[in-house]
Protein backbone atom coordinates (compact mmCIF):
# COMPACT_ATOMS: atom_id res chain seq x y z
CA UNK A 1 0.00 0.00 0.00
CA UNK A 2 1.32 3.42 -0.96
CA UNK A 3 1.76 5.87 1.90
CA UNK A 4 4.49 8.41 1.09
CA UNK A 5 3.71 10.53 -1.98
CA UNK A 6 6.78 12.39 -3.25
CA UNK A 7 6.46 15.54 -5.35
CA UNK A 8 9.01 17.39 -7.43
CA UNK A 9 8.89 21.20 -7.21
CA UNK A 10 9.94 23.00 -10.40
CA UNK A 11 7.97 21.85 -13.44
CA UNK A 12 5.33 20.18 -11.25
CA UNK A 13 4.15 22.38 -8.40
CA UNK A 14 5.62 25.57 -9.89
CA UNK A 15 5.53 26.05 -13.64
CA UNK A 16 5.97 28.90 -16.17
CA UNK A 17 2.28 29.48 -16.93
CA UNK A 18 3.05 32.77 -18.69
CA UNK A 19 6.16 32.41 -20.84
CA UNK A 20 6.14 35.97 -22.15
CA UNK A 21 8.54 37.44 -19.53
CA UNK A 22 11.09 34.67 -20.05
CA UNK A 23 10.71 34.78 -23.83
CA UNK A 24 11.29 38.52 -23.97
CA UNK A 25 14.31 38.53 -21.66
CA UNK A 26 16.83 36.67 -23.91
CA UNK A 27 16.51 39.30 -26.62
CA UNK A 28 18.17 41.80 -24.30
CA UNK A 29 21.30 39.63 -24.32
CA UNK A 30 21.15 38.44 -27.95
CA UNK A 31 20.45 34.90 -26.73
CA UNK A 32 17.80 32.33 -27.54
CA UNK A 33 15.25 31.21 -24.96
CA UNK A 34 17.09 27.90 -24.57
CA UNK A 35 20.51 29.52 -24.26
CA UNK A 36 19.35 31.74 -21.41
CA UNK A 37 17.56 28.84 -19.70
CA UNK A 38 20.72 26.74 -20.00
CA UNK A 39 22.76 29.57 -18.48
CA UNK A 40 20.53 29.48 -15.41
CA UNK A 41 20.03 25.73 -15.08
CA UNK A 42 22.64 23.76 -17.04
CA UNK A 43 26.08 25.33 -16.66
CA UNK A 44 28.85 24.00 -14.42
CA UNK A 45 27.95 26.75 -11.94
CA UNK A 46 24.31 25.67 -11.95
CA UNK A 47 25.29 22.05 -11.32
CA UNK A 48 27.51 23.11 -8.42
CA UNK A 49 24.65 25.11 -6.90
CA UNK A 50 22.22 22.22 -7.37
CA UNK A 51 24.55 19.87 -5.51
CA UNK A 52 25.43 22.38 -2.78
CA UNK A 53 29.03 22.91 -3.83
CA UNK A 54 28.40 26.65 -4.18
CA UNK A 55 25.60 28.81 -2.80
CA UNK A 56 22.65 30.12 -4.75
CA UNK A 57 24.13 33.58 -4.34
CA UNK A 58 27.45 32.43 -5.84
CA UNK A 59 25.63 31.02 -8.86
CA UNK A 60 23.51 34.14 -9.22
CA UNK A 61 26.65 36.27 -9.33
CA UNK A 62 28.06 33.97 -12.03
CA UNK A 63 24.91 34.49 -14.10
CA UNK A 64 25.23 38.26 -13.74
CA UNK A 65 28.87 38.11 -14.77
CA UNK A 66 28.11 35.96 -17.82
CA UNK A 67 25.43 38.46 -18.89
CA UNK A 68 27.64 41.48 -18.16
CA UNK A 69 25.15 42.73 -15.58
CA UNK A 70 26.21 44.64 -12.46
CA UNK A 71 26.74 42.78 -9.21
CA UNK A 72 23.73 43.05 -6.95
CA UNK A 73 21.18 43.32 -9.77
CA UNK A 74 19.96 39.72 -9.67
CA UNK A 75 16.55 40.66 -8.23
CA UNK A 76 15.82 42.59 -11.43
CA UNK A 77 16.86 39.61 -13.57
CA UNK A 78 14.82 37.11 -11.57
CA UNK A 79 11.70 39.27 -11.71
CA UNK A 80 11.73 38.81 -15.48
CA UNK A 81 13.11 35.28 -15.75
CA UNK A 82 10.68 33.78 -13.22
CA UNK A 83 8.00 36.46 -13.57
CA UNK A 84 5.59 34.13 -15.37
CA UNK A 85 5.98 31.18 -12.98
CA UNK A 86 2.96 30.22 -10.91
CA UNK A 87 2.34 27.88 -8.00
CA UNK A 88 -0.37 25.39 -8.99
CA UNK A 89 -3.05 25.99 -6.37
CA UNK A 90 -5.06 22.94 -7.50
CA UNK A 91 -2.12 20.61 -6.89
CA UNK A 92 -1.40 22.32 -3.59
CA UNK A 93 -5.00 21.74 -2.50
CA UNK A 94 -4.70 18.11 -3.58
CA UNK A 95 -1.56 17.64 -1.47
CA UNK A 96 -3.26 19.37 1.46
CA UNK A 97 -6.06 16.81 1.16
CA UNK A 98 -3.55 13.95 1.41
CA UNK A 99 -2.27 15.08 4.80
CA UNK A 100 -3.09 12.68 7.59
CA UNK A 101 -3.87 9.66 5.44
CA UNK A 102 -0.65 9.86 3.41
CA UNK A 103 2.88 11.09 4.06
CA UNK A 104 3.62 14.10 1.87
CA UNK A 105 7.19 14.56 0.65
CA UNK A 106 9.04 17.12 -1.46
CA UNK A 107 12.11 16.00 -3.43
CA UNK A 108 13.63 18.82 -5.48
CA UNK A 109 16.78 19.49 -7.43
CA UNK A 110 17.23 23.02 -6.15
CA UNK A 111 19.69 25.55 -4.81
CA UNK A 112 20.20 26.28 -1.13
CA UNK A 113 17.59 29.07 -1.12
CA UNK A 114 14.62 26.77 -1.71
CA UNK A 115 13.58 26.49 1.95
CA UNK A 116 13.39 30.28 2.12
CA UNK A 117 11.20 30.34 -1.00
CA UNK A 118 8.95 27.60 0.36
CA UNK A 119 8.30 29.53 3.56
CA UNK A 120 8.51 33.18 2.50
CA UNK A 121 7.38 33.26 -1.15
CA UNK A 122 4.94 30.37 -1.52
CA UNK A 123 4.20 29.73 2.18
CA UNK A 124 3.91 25.97 1.71
CA UNK A 125 6.79 24.65 3.83
CA UNK A 126 4.24 23.20 6.27
CA UNK A 127 2.59 21.23 3.48
CA UNK A 128 5.18 18.45 3.58
CA UNK A 129 6.09 15.90 6.23
CA UNK A 130 9.56 15.63 4.71
CA UNK A 131 11.55 17.99 2.48
CA UNK A 132 14.61 16.78 0.54
CA UNK A 133 16.62 19.42 -1.33
CA UNK A 134 19.53 18.45 -3.55
CA UNK A 135 21.77 21.34 -2.46
CA UNK A 136 21.40 20.29 1.18
CA UNK A 137 22.04 16.61 0.42
CA UNK A 138 24.84 17.31 -2.09
CA UNK A 139 23.07 14.80 -4.32
CA UNK A 140 20.78 15.42 -7.27
CA UNK A 141 18.29 13.43 -9.31
CA UNK A 142 18.74 11.16 -11.21
CA UNK A 143 21.69 9.96 -9.10
CA UNK A 144 20.58 6.61 -7.59
CA UNK A 145 22.11 7.73 -4.27
CA UNK A 146 19.47 10.41 -3.73
CA UNK A 147 16.65 7.89 -4.11
CA UNK A 148 18.38 5.53 -1.69
CA UNK A 149 18.71 8.40 0.79
CA UNK A 150 14.99 9.18 0.55
CA UNK A 151 14.02 5.51 0.87
CA UNK A 152 16.24 5.10 3.93
CA UNK A 153 14.95 8.28 5.59
CA UNK A 154 11.30 7.39 5.00
CA UNK A 155 11.95 3.90 6.34
CA UNK A 156 9.61 2.12 3.96
CA UNK A 157 9.94 -0.31 1.10
CA UNK A 158 10.35 1.54 -2.23
CA UNK A 159 7.28 -0.29 -3.56
CA UNK A 160 5.25 1.72 -1.03
CA UNK A 161 6.45 5.07 -2.41
CA UNK A 162 4.96 7.11 -5.23
CA UNK A 163 7.03 9.79 -6.99
CA UNK A 164 5.91 12.54 -9.40
CA UNK A 165 8.44 14.40 -11.58
CA UNK A 166 8.48 16.11 -14.98
CA UNK A 167 11.86 14.78 -16.19
CA UNK A 168 11.82 11.33 -17.76
CA UNK A 169 15.37 10.53 -16.59
CA UNK A 170 14.32 11.17 -12.99
CA UNK A 171 11.29 8.92 -13.42
CA UNK A 172 13.39 6.13 -14.93
CA UNK A 173 15.91 6.34 -12.08
CA UNK A 174 13.14 6.20 -9.49
CA UNK A 175 11.63 3.13 -11.12
CA UNK A 176 15.04 1.47 -11.22
CA UNK A 177 15.17 2.07 -7.45
CA UNK A 178 11.83 0.23 -7.13
CA UNK A 179 9.72 3.34 -6.60
CA UNK A 180 6.34 3.79 -8.28
CA UNK A 181 6.54 6.86 -10.51
CA UNK A 182 4.32 9.18 -12.53
CA UNK A 183 5.81 11.23 -15.33
CA UNK A 184 4.20 14.66 -14.99
CA UNK A 185 3.04 16.06 -18.33
CA UNK A 186 0.16 18.24 -17.19
CA UNK A 187 -1.97 18.69 -14.10
CA UNK A 188 -5.03 16.76 -15.28
CA UNK A 189 -2.98 13.76 -16.40
CA UNK A 190 -1.00 13.73 -13.15
CA UNK A 191 -4.10 14.03 -10.96
CA UNK A 192 -5.80 11.21 -12.88
CA UNK A 193 -2.82 8.89 -12.38
CA UNK A 194 -2.42 9.92 -8.74
CA UNK A 195 -6.07 9.12 -8.07
CA UNK A 196 -5.64 5.70 -9.66
CA UNK A 197 -2.55 4.86 -7.60
CA UNK A 198 -4.08 6.13 -4.34
CA UNK A 199 -7.64 4.86 -4.92
CA UNK A 200 -9.04 8.38 -4.62
CA UNK A 201 -11.84 10.21 -6.37
CA UNK A 202 -10.90 13.56 -7.92
């Protein structure tokens, strides 16, 4: 029987619902949308921040330097880059409804400022019984070690866990660890599959 339900953050609970701000921003730097996104998420600096080898602030300063922006101006950049991102209130309400009967878990590849964002920006830190952040663990999905860490900390057989993530490589790694997994494509699809796994009515 499934008890812990594990949610990814970015791309699942928070998504770019309005892409206009992020699509307009690259033009200022003569970059494509993908090039700017890669600069934030896929450089060596980003990987170091995701695995806790450097701080979020260190990585932010690297981004500013790469874009020839002045030090201390990251708040202006982030207002545009993440300006269209929205917390999915329907999914949040669904998770809130799981509390008590199921164990709610967050497992996110994120920098060391995520806890602050959970509590101060989105105010959902109390929504989860357990929070696992890659920068704090110095491990990131899809590394098998991060799934083993979560399994060990939850103290249950992996067959009793259910994991939701938007990256196929993270889903495949979870399944290889014996964890049930749902590949998030959109909210309706994910809620339908969650309801099936958990024997719930939506």
